[in-house]
Amino acid sequence: MHAHGQVLMGEVGLAAIRDAGLRPDAVGGLTMGADPLAYAIAAASWGAGDDPIHAFSVRKRAKRHGKGQLIEGCFEPGARVVVVEDVITTGGSAFQAVEAVNRARGEVLGVLGLVDREEGGKATLEGAGLRTMVLYTASDLRAAVAAKERKTCPTTIS
């Protein structure tokens, strides 16, 4: 993860959560994809000086040793959380994280995706009653790449 990218993800993710009027105790999602975004938002919230938002990770399977927990990090029953995802495709990873939070007696305020691949996942999550926010769509990224290519491609001089 590029250090500057981490900072930008945190700032933009925190702004999206605050702009939506949400006040979660923590953010997190299915490891590993959600981890960088969750940690970046947690760090940005601390740096912003308002109510800190902590981070947690959801394992795909509980460990067979130790406490055998599915959720690791700053999470406790009753926590209000936003589930985060690096990329929303079908919504499956977000659903898995939501189910883990619900089983651990947390309250899911919504889902935040860094990128929506526009393959139906966002609509599926919303159809299940989950408030779903995305920072960027695949179309946004394609348009940005195309705009950059137009600016950087050398022109032919006759």
N, C-alpha and C. Protein backbone atom coordinates (compact mmCIF):
# COMPACT_ATOMS: atom_id res chain seq x y z
N MET A 1 0.85 -1.17 0.00
CA MET A 1 0.00 0.00 0.00
C MET A 1 0.89 1.23 0.00
N HIS A 2 0.66 2.11 -0.93
CA HIS A 2 1.40 3.36 -1.02
C HIS A 2 0.96 4.28 0.13
N ALA A 3 1.90 4.90 0.80
CA ALA A 3 1.60 5.73 1.96
C ALA A 3 0.63 6.86 1.62
N HIS A 4 0.82 7.50 0.48
CA HIS A 4 -0.06 8.60 0.09
C HIS A 4 -1.47 8.07 -0.20
N GLY A 5 -1.55 6.93 -0.86
CA GLY A 5 -2.85 6.32 -1.13
C GLY A 5 -3.59 5.99 0.16
N GLN A 6 -2.85 5.51 1.15
CA GLN A 6 -3.45 5.18 2.44
C GLN A 6 -4.06 6.43 3.08
N VAL A 7 -3.32 7.52 3.05
CA VAL A 7 -3.81 8.77 3.63
C VAL A 7 -5.06 9.25 2.88
N LEU A 8 -5.00 9.22 1.56
CA LEU A 8 -6.15 9.68 0.76
C LEU A 8 -7.38 8.82 1.01
N MET A 9 -7.21 7.49 1.06
CA MET A 9 -8.35 6.60 1.34
C MET A 9 -8.98 6.94 2.68
N GLY A 10 -8.14 7.19 3.67
CA GLY A 10 -8.66 7.51 4.99
C GLY A 10 -9.45 8.80 5.00
N GLU A 11 -8.91 9.83 4.37
CA GLU A 11 -9.59 11.13 4.33
C GLU A 11 -10.92 11.04 3.59
N VAL A 12 -10.91 10.41 2.42
CA VAL A 12 -12.13 10.33 1.61
C VAL A 12 -13.16 9.41 2.28
N GLY A 13 -12.69 8.30 2.84
CA GLY A 13 -13.60 7.38 3.53
C GLY A 13 -14.24 8.02 4.74
N LEU A 14 -13.44 8.71 5.55
CA LEU A 14 -13.98 9.39 6.73
C LEU A 14 -14.98 10.45 6.31
N ALA A 15 -14.66 11.22 5.28
CA ALA A 15 -15.58 12.26 4.81
C ALA A 15 -16.91 11.66 4.36
N ALA A 16 -16.86 10.53 3.66
CA ALA A 16 -18.10 9.89 3.20
C ALA A 16 -18.96 9.45 4.38
N ILE A 17 -18.32 8.90 5.40
CA ILE A 17 -19.06 8.44 6.59
C ILE A 17 -19.68 9.64 7.30
N ARG A 18 -18.91 10.68 7.48
CA ARG A 18 -19.42 11.88 8.18
C ARG A 18 -20.50 12.56 7.35
N ASP A 19 -20.29 12.66 6.02
CA ASP A 19 -21.28 13.31 5.14
C ASP A 19 -22.61 12.56 5.16
N ALA A 20 -22.56 11.25 5.40
CA ALA A 20 -23.78 10.44 5.48
C ALA A 20 -24.46 10.58 6.84
N GLY A 21 -23.82 11.33 7.74
CA GLY A 21 -24.40 11.54 9.06
C GLY A 21 -24.21 10.36 10.01
N LEU A 22 -23.29 9.46 9.67
CA LEU A 22 -23.07 8.28 10.50
C LEU A 22 -22.01 8.57 11.56
N ARG A 23 -22.19 7.97 12.72
CA ARG A 23 -21.24 8.11 13.83
C ARG A 23 -20.90 6.73 14.37
N PRO A 24 -20.15 5.95 13.59
CA PRO A 24 -19.81 4.60 14.04
C PRO A 24 -18.74 4.61 15.13
N ASP A 25 -18.73 3.54 15.90
CA ASP A 25 -17.65 3.31 16.86
C ASP A 25 -16.45 2.71 16.15
N ALA A 26 -16.71 1.94 15.09
CA ALA A 26 -15.64 1.22 14.41
C ALA A 26 -16.01 0.96 12.95
N VAL A 27 -14.97 0.69 12.16
CA VAL A 27 -15.13 0.27 10.77
C VAL A 27 -14.31 -0.99 10.57
N GLY A 28 -14.78 -1.86 9.70
CA GLY A 28 -14.02 -3.07 9.41
C GLY A 28 -14.79 -3.94 8.45
N GLY A 29 -14.13 -4.99 8.02
CA GLY A 29 -14.76 -5.91 7.09
C GLY A 29 -13.91 -7.15 6.95
N LEU A 30 -14.21 -7.89 5.92
CA LEU A 30 -13.55 -9.17 5.70
C LEU A 30 -12.08 -8.96 5.37
N THR A 31 -11.22 -9.62 6.15
CA THR A 31 -9.79 -9.50 5.91
C THR A 31 -9.45 -10.22 4.61
N MET A 32 -8.61 -9.78 3.86
CA MET A 32 -7.62 -8.75 3.84
C MET A 32 -8.10 -7.54 3.06
N GLY A 33 -9.06 -7.71 2.20
CA GLY A 33 -9.46 -6.61 1.33
C GLY A 33 -9.90 -5.37 2.06
N ALA A 34 -10.62 -5.53 3.16
CA ALA A 34 -11.15 -4.37 3.88
C ALA A 34 -10.13 -3.73 4.81
N ASP A 35 -9.09 -4.46 5.19
CA ASP A 35 -8.17 -3.99 6.23
C ASP A 35 -7.53 -2.64 5.93
N PRO A 36 -6.92 -2.43 4.76
CA PRO A 36 -6.28 -1.13 4.52
C PRO A 36 -7.26 0.05 4.62
N LEU A 37 -8.46 -0.13 4.11
CA LEU A 37 -9.45 0.95 4.16
C LEU A 37 -9.88 1.20 5.60
N ALA A 38 -10.13 0.14 6.36
CA ALA A 38 -10.54 0.31 7.76
C ALA A 38 -9.46 1.02 8.56
N TYR A 39 -8.21 0.58 8.40
CA TYR A 39 -7.12 1.19 9.15
C TYR A 39 -6.91 2.64 8.74
N ALA A 40 -7.06 2.93 7.46
CA ALA A 40 -6.88 4.30 6.97
C ALA A 40 -7.95 5.22 7.54
N ILE A 41 -9.19 4.76 7.58
CA ILE A 41 -10.28 5.58 8.13
C ILE A 41 -10.06 5.79 9.63
N ALA A 42 -9.64 4.74 10.33
CA ALA A 42 -9.38 4.87 11.77
C ALA A 42 -8.30 5.92 12.02
N ALA A 43 -7.22 5.86 11.26
CA ALA A 43 -6.13 6.82 11.43
C ALA A 43 -6.59 8.24 11.09
N ALA A 44 -7.37 8.39 10.03
CA ALA A 44 -7.86 9.71 9.64
C ALA A 44 -8.78 10.29 10.71
N SER A 45 -9.59 9.44 11.33
CA SER A 45 -10.50 9.93 12.37
C SER A 45 -9.71 10.43 13.58
N TRP A 46 -8.63 9.74 13.91
CA TRP A 46 -7.80 10.18 15.03
C TRP A 46 -7.16 11.52 14.70
N GLY A 47 -6.64 11.64 13.49
CA GLY A 47 -6.00 12.87 13.07
C GLY A 47 -6.96 14.04 12.94
N ALA A 48 -8.24 13.75 12.69
CA ALA A 48 -9.23 14.81 12.52
C ALA A 48 -9.61 15.45 13.85
N GLY A 49 -9.32 14.76 14.94
CA GLY A 49 -9.57 15.33 16.26
C GLY A 49 -11.00 15.23 16.75
N ASP A 50 -11.89 14.58 15.98
CA ASP A 50 -13.25 14.40 16.49
C ASP A 50 -13.35 12.98 17.06
N ASP A 51 -14.55 12.49 17.22
CA ASP A 51 -14.73 11.16 17.79
C ASP A 51 -13.95 10.13 16.98
N PRO A 52 -13.02 9.42 17.62
CA PRO A 52 -12.26 8.42 16.86
C PRO A 52 -13.13 7.25 16.44
N ILE A 53 -12.81 6.72 15.28
CA ILE A 53 -13.44 5.51 14.76
C ILE A 53 -12.35 4.45 14.77
N HIS A 54 -12.58 3.38 15.48
CA HIS A 54 -11.58 2.32 15.58
C HIS A 54 -11.77 1.31 14.44
N ALA A 55 -10.87 0.34 14.35
CA ALA A 55 -10.92 -0.62 13.25
C ALA A 55 -10.94 -2.05 13.77
N PHE A 56 -11.55 -2.92 12.98
CA PHE A 56 -11.58 -4.35 13.27
C PHE A 56 -11.47 -5.11 11.97
N SER A 57 -11.16 -6.40 12.08
CA SER A 57 -11.10 -7.29 10.91
C SER A 57 -12.00 -8.49 11.17
N VAL A 58 -12.63 -8.96 10.13
CA VAL A 58 -13.45 -10.17 10.21
C VAL A 58 -12.71 -11.28 9.48
N ARG A 59 -12.45 -12.36 10.18
CA ARG A 59 -11.78 -13.51 9.57
C ARG A 59 -12.79 -14.29 8.73
N LYS A 60 -12.29 -14.97 7.72
CA LYS A 60 -13.16 -15.84 6.92
C LYS A 60 -13.62 -17.03 7.74
N ARG A 61 -12.73 -17.49 8.63
CA ARG A 61 -13.05 -18.59 9.55
C ARG A 61 -12.40 -18.28 10.88
N ALA A 62 -13.07 -18.65 11.95
CA ALA A 62 -12.50 -18.44 13.28
C ALA A 62 -11.23 -19.28 13.43
N LYS A 63 -10.26 -18.75 14.15
CA LYS A 63 -9.04 -19.50 14.41
C LYS A 63 -9.37 -20.71 15.29
N ARG A 64 -8.60 -21.77 15.13
CA ARG A 64 -8.81 -22.98 15.93
C ARG A 64 -8.11 -22.89 17.28
N HIS A 65 -7.29 -21.88 17.46
CA HIS A 65 -6.57 -21.73 18.73
C HIS A 65 -6.85 -20.34 19.30
N GLY A 66 -6.32 -20.06 20.47
CA GLY A 66 -6.58 -18.77 21.10
C GLY A 66 -8.05 -18.66 21.48
N LYS A 67 -8.59 -17.47 21.28
CA LYS A 67 -10.00 -17.23 21.64
C LYS A 67 -10.96 -17.77 20.58
N GLY A 68 -10.45 -18.11 19.41
CA GLY A 68 -11.30 -18.64 18.35
C GLY A 68 -12.32 -17.64 17.84
N GLN A 69 -11.97 -16.38 17.88
CA GLN A 69 -12.91 -15.33 17.47
C GLN A 69 -12.95 -15.17 15.96
N LEU A 70 -14.07 -14.71 15.48
CA LEU A 70 -14.23 -14.38 14.07
C LEU A 70 -13.85 -12.91 13.83
N ILE A 71 -14.09 -12.07 14.82
CA ILE A 71 -13.78 -10.64 14.71
C ILE A 71 -12.60 -10.33 15.62
N GLU A 72 -11.60 -9.64 15.04
CA GLU A 72 -10.41 -9.24 15.79
C GLU A 72 -10.27 -7.73 15.72
N GLY A 73 -9.73 -7.13 16.75
CA GLY A 73 -9.50 -5.69 16.76
C GLY A 73 -10.45 -5.00 17.71
N CYS A 74 -10.71 -3.75 17.46
CA CYS A 74 -11.54 -2.92 18.35
C CYS A 74 -13.01 -3.11 18.04
N PHE A 75 -13.56 -4.16 18.60
CA PHE A 75 -14.98 -4.46 18.44
C PHE A 75 -15.47 -5.08 19.73
N GLU A 76 -16.66 -4.67 20.13
CA GLU A 76 -17.30 -5.30 21.29
C GLU A 76 -18.80 -5.32 21.04
N PRO A 77 -19.52 -6.21 21.71
CA PRO A 77 -20.97 -6.25 21.53
C PRO A 77 -21.59 -4.87 21.76
N GLY A 78 -22.53 -4.51 20.91
CA GLY A 78 -23.18 -3.21 20.99
C GLY A 78 -22.51 -2.14 20.15
N ALA A 79 -21.34 -2.44 19.60
CA ALA A 79 -20.63 -1.45 18.77
C ALA A 79 -21.44 -1.11 17.53
N ARG A 80 -21.47 0.17 17.20
CA ARG A 80 -22.09 0.64 15.96
C ARG A 80 -20.99 0.70 14.92
N VAL A 81 -21.18 0.00 13.79
CA VAL A 81 -20.10 -0.12 12.82
C VAL A 81 -20.55 0.18 11.40
N VAL A 82 -19.57 0.56 10.60
CA VAL A 82 -19.73 0.61 9.14
C VAL A 82 -18.83 -0.49 8.61
N VAL A 83 -19.42 -1.40 7.85
CA VAL A 83 -18.65 -2.45 7.19
C VAL A 83 -18.02 -1.84 5.95
N VAL A 84 -16.71 -2.07 5.77
CA VAL A 84 -16.02 -1.50 4.62
C VAL A 84 -15.52 -2.62 3.71
N GLU A 85 -15.39 -2.28 2.44
CA GLU A 85 -14.96 -3.21 1.39
C GLU A 85 -14.02 -2.48 0.45
N ASP A 86 -13.00 -3.16 -0.03
CA ASP A 86 -12.17 -2.53 -1.05
C ASP A 86 -12.93 -2.45 -2.37
N VAL A 87 -13.52 -3.56 -2.78
CA VAL A 87 -14.25 -3.62 -4.05
C VAL A 87 -15.57 -4.35 -3.83
N ILE A 88 -16.65 -3.75 -4.27
CA ILE A 88 -17.96 -4.41 -4.21
C ILE A 88 -18.25 -4.98 -5.59
N THR A 89 -18.39 -6.29 -5.66
CA THR A 89 -18.74 -6.96 -6.91
C THR A 89 -20.13 -7.56 -6.76
N THR A 90 -20.23 -8.63 -6.00
CA THR A 90 -21.54 -9.26 -5.75
C THR A 90 -22.12 -8.86 -4.40
N GLY A 91 -21.27 -8.33 -3.51
CA GLY A 91 -21.70 -8.00 -2.16
C GLY A 91 -21.45 -9.13 -1.17
N GLY A 92 -20.94 -10.26 -1.66
CA GLY A 92 -20.76 -11.43 -0.81
C GLY A 92 -19.85 -11.22 0.38
N SER A 93 -18.73 -10.56 0.19
CA SER A 93 -17.81 -10.32 1.30
C SER A 93 -18.44 -9.40 2.34
N ALA A 94 -19.13 -8.37 1.87
CA ALA A 94 -19.80 -7.46 2.80
C ALA A 94 -20.87 -8.19 3.59
N PHE A 95 -21.64 -9.04 2.92
CA PHE A 95 -22.66 -9.82 3.63
C PHE A 95 -22.03 -10.72 4.69
N GLN A 96 -20.90 -11.32 4.37
CA GLN A 96 -20.23 -12.19 5.33
C GLN A 96 -19.79 -11.38 6.56
N ALA A 97 -19.27 -10.19 6.34
CA ALA A 97 -18.87 -9.34 7.46
C ALA A 97 -20.07 -8.87 8.26
N VAL A 98 -21.14 -8.49 7.58
CA VAL A 98 -22.37 -8.05 8.25
C VAL A 98 -22.91 -9.18 9.14
N GLU A 99 -22.92 -10.39 8.61
CA GLU A 99 -23.41 -11.54 9.39
C GLU A 99 -22.56 -11.76 10.64
N ALA A 100 -21.24 -11.63 10.51
CA ALA A 100 -20.35 -11.81 11.66
C ALA A 100 -20.61 -10.73 12.71
N VAL A 101 -20.79 -9.49 12.28
CA VAL A 101 -21.06 -8.40 13.21
C VAL A 101 -22.40 -8.64 13.91
N ASN A 102 -23.40 -9.03 13.15
CA ASN A 102 -24.71 -9.29 13.75
C ASN A 102 -24.64 -10.42 14.77
N ARG A 103 -23.93 -11.50 14.43
CA ARG A 103 -23.78 -12.62 15.38
C ARG A 103 -23.05 -12.21 16.66
N ALA A 104 -22.14 -11.24 16.52
CA ALA A 104 -21.39 -10.75 17.68
C ALA A 104 -22.13 -9.62 18.40
N ARG A 105 -23.37 -9.40 18.02
CA ARG A 105 -24.25 -8.42 18.64
C ARG A 105 -23.81 -6.97 18.44
N GLY A 106 -23.28 -6.70 17.24
CA GLY A 106 -22.98 -5.33 16.86
C GLY A 106 -24.12 -4.77 16.03
N GLU A 107 -24.08 -3.48 15.78
CA GLU A 107 -25.10 -2.81 14.97
C GLU A 107 -24.46 -2.27 13.70
N VAL A 108 -24.89 -2.77 12.55
CA VAL A 108 -24.35 -2.31 11.27
C VAL A 108 -25.13 -1.08 10.82
N LEU A 109 -24.42 0.03 10.70
CA LEU A 109 -25.03 1.28 10.25
C LEU A 109 -25.08 1.39 8.73
N GLY A 110 -24.17 0.68 8.06
CA GLY A 110 -24.11 0.74 6.61
C GLY A 110 -22.87 0.05 6.10
N VAL A 111 -22.72 0.09 4.78
CA VAL A 111 -21.58 -0.50 4.08
C VAL A 111 -20.94 0.60 3.24
N LEU A 112 -19.60 0.66 3.28
CA LEU A 112 -18.86 1.62 2.48
C LEU A 112 -17.87 0.86 1.61
N GLY A 113 -17.97 1.04 0.29
CA GLY A 113 -17.05 0.40 -0.64
C GLY A 113 -16.13 1.43 -1.27
N LEU A 114 -14.87 1.07 -1.40
CA LEU A 114 -13.93 1.96 -2.08
C LEU A 114 -14.29 2.05 -3.56
N VAL A 115 -14.53 0.88 -4.18
CA VAL A 115 -14.88 0.84 -5.61
C VAL A 115 -16.08 -0.09 -5.81
N ASP A 116 -17.07 0.39 -6.53
CA ASP A 116 -18.20 -0.44 -6.95
C ASP A 116 -17.93 -0.86 -8.39
N ARG A 117 -17.78 -2.16 -8.59
CA ARG A 117 -17.51 -2.66 -9.94
C ARG A 117 -18.73 -2.58 -10.84
N GLU A 118 -19.86 -2.15 -10.31
CA GLU A 118 -21.11 -1.99 -11.07
C GLU A 118 -21.58 -3.31 -11.67
N GLU A 119 -21.47 -4.36 -10.85
CA GLU A 119 -21.92 -5.69 -11.29
C GLU A 119 -23.08 -6.19 -10.44
N GLY A 120 -23.79 -5.26 -9.79
CA GLY A 120 -24.99 -5.62 -9.06
C GLY A 120 -24.84 -5.75 -7.55
N GLY A 121 -23.63 -5.73 -7.04
CA GLY A 121 -23.42 -5.89 -5.60
C GLY A 121 -24.03 -4.79 -4.77
N LYS A 122 -23.88 -3.56 -5.20
CA LYS A 122 -24.44 -2.43 -4.44
C LYS A 122 -25.95 -2.56 -4.35
N ALA A 123 -26.59 -2.85 -5.46
CA ALA A 123 -28.05 -3.01 -5.46
C ALA A 123 -28.49 -4.18 -4.59
N THR A 124 -27.71 -5.25 -4.60
CA THR A 124 -28.03 -6.41 -3.77
C THR A 124 -27.95 -6.05 -2.29
N LEU A 125 -26.91 -5.33 -1.90
CA LEU A 125 -26.77 -4.91 -0.51
C LEU A 125 -27.91 -3.98 -0.10
N GLU A 126 -28.22 -3.02 -0.97
CA GLU A 126 -29.32 -2.10 -0.69
C GLU A 126 -30.65 -2.83 -0.62
N GLY A 127 -30.83 -3.83 -1.49
CA GLY A 127 -32.06 -4.62 -1.48
C GLY A 127 -32.24 -5.40 -0.19
N ALA A 128 -31.14 -5.66 0.50
CA ALA A 128 -31.21 -6.36 1.79
C ALA A 128 -31.38 -5.36 2.94
N GLY A 129 -31.59 -4.09 2.60
CA GLY A 129 -31.82 -3.08 3.63
C GLY A 129 -30.57 -2.45 4.19
N LEU A 130 -29.43 -2.66 3.54
CA LEU A 130 -28.17 -2.08 4.01
C LEU A 130 -27.88 -0.77 3.29
N ARG A 131 -27.73 0.29 4.05
CA ARG A 131 -27.33 1.57 3.47
C ARG A 131 -25.94 1.37 2.88
N THR A 132 -25.79 1.61 1.58
CA THR A 132 -24.53 1.31 0.90
C THR A 132 -24.01 2.55 0.19
N MET A 133 -22.78 2.89 0.53
CA MET A 133 -22.12 4.06 -0.06
C MET A 133 -20.88 3.58 -0.79
N VAL A 134 -20.55 4.21 -1.89
CA VAL A 134 -19.32 3.89 -2.60
C VAL A 134 -18.56 5.18 -2.86
N LEU A 135 -17.24 5.07 -2.81
CA LEU A 135 -16.42 6.25 -3.07
C LEU A 135 -16.22 6.47 -4.55
N TYR A 136 -16.04 5.36 -5.29
CA TYR A 136 -15.82 5.44 -6.73
C TYR A 136 -16.49 4.26 -7.40
N THR A 137 -16.85 4.44 -8.66
CA THR A 137 -17.37 3.33 -9.46
C THR A 137 -16.31 2.93 -10.48
N ALA A 138 -16.49 1.77 -11.06
CA ALA A 138 -15.58 1.35 -12.13
C ALA A 138 -15.62 2.35 -13.28
N SER A 139 -16.78 2.90 -13.54
CA SER A 139 -16.90 3.92 -14.60
C SER A 139 -16.08 5.16 -14.27
N ASP A 140 -16.08 5.57 -13.00
CA ASP A 140 -15.27 6.72 -12.58
C ASP A 140 -13.80 6.46 -12.88
N LEU A 141 -13.34 5.27 -12.55
CA LEU A 141 -11.92 4.94 -12.74
C LEU A 141 -11.55 4.86 -14.21
N ARG A 142 -12.44 4.25 -15.01
CA ARG A 142 -12.18 4.19 -16.45
C ARG A 142 -12.11 5.59 -17.05
N ALA A 143 -13.00 6.47 -16.62
CA ALA A 143 -13.01 7.84 -17.14
C ALA A 143 -11.74 8.59 -16.73
N ALA A 144 -11.29 8.38 -15.50
CA ALA A 144 -10.06 9.04 -15.04
C ALA A 144 -8.84 8.56 -15.83
N VAL A 145 -8.78 7.27 -16.10
CA VAL A 145 -7.66 6.73 -16.88
C VAL A 145 -7.71 7.28 -18.30
N ALA A 146 -8.89 7.32 -18.89
CA ALA A 146 -9.01 7.85 -20.26
C ALA A 146 -8.62 9.32 -20.31
N ALA A 147 -9.01 10.10 -19.31
CA ALA A 147 -8.67 11.52 -19.28
C ALA A 147 -7.15 11.70 -19.14
N LYS A 148 -6.54 10.89 -18.30
CA LYS A 148 -5.09 10.98 -18.12
C LYS A 148 -4.36 10.59 -19.41
N GLU A 149 -4.84 9.56 -20.09
CA GLU A 149 -4.21 9.14 -21.34
C GLU A 149 -4.31 10.23 -22.40
N ARG A 150 -5.42 10.94 -22.44
CA ARG A 150 -5.58 12.03 -23.42
C ARG A 150 -4.58 13.15 -23.13
N LYS A 151 -4.30 13.38 -21.85
CA LYS A 151 -3.39 14.48 -21.48
C LYS A 151 -1.93 14.09 -21.65
N THR A 152 -1.61 12.81 -21.54
CA THR A 152 -0.20 12.41 -21.55
C THR A 152 0.25 11.80 -22.87
N CYS A 153 -0.66 11.48 -23.75
CA CYS A 153 -0.26 10.89 -25.03
C CYS A 153 0.38 11.96 -25.91
N PRO A 154 1.55 11.67 -26.45
CA PRO A 154 2.20 12.67 -27.32
C PRO A 154 1.39 12.86 -28.60
N THR A 155 1.39 14.08 -29.06
CA THR A 155 0.69 14.37 -30.31
C THR A 155 1.71 14.27 -31.46
N THR A 156 1.19 13.92 -32.59
CA THR A 156 2.05 13.80 -33.77
C THR A 156 2.15 15.14 -34.44
N ILE A 157 3.38 15.56 -34.67
CA ILE A 157 3.59 16.84 -35.35
C ILE A 157 3.97 16.53 -36.80
N SER A 158 3.25 17.12 -37.72
CA SER A 158 3.53 16.87 -39.13
C SER A 158 4.52 17.84 -39.68
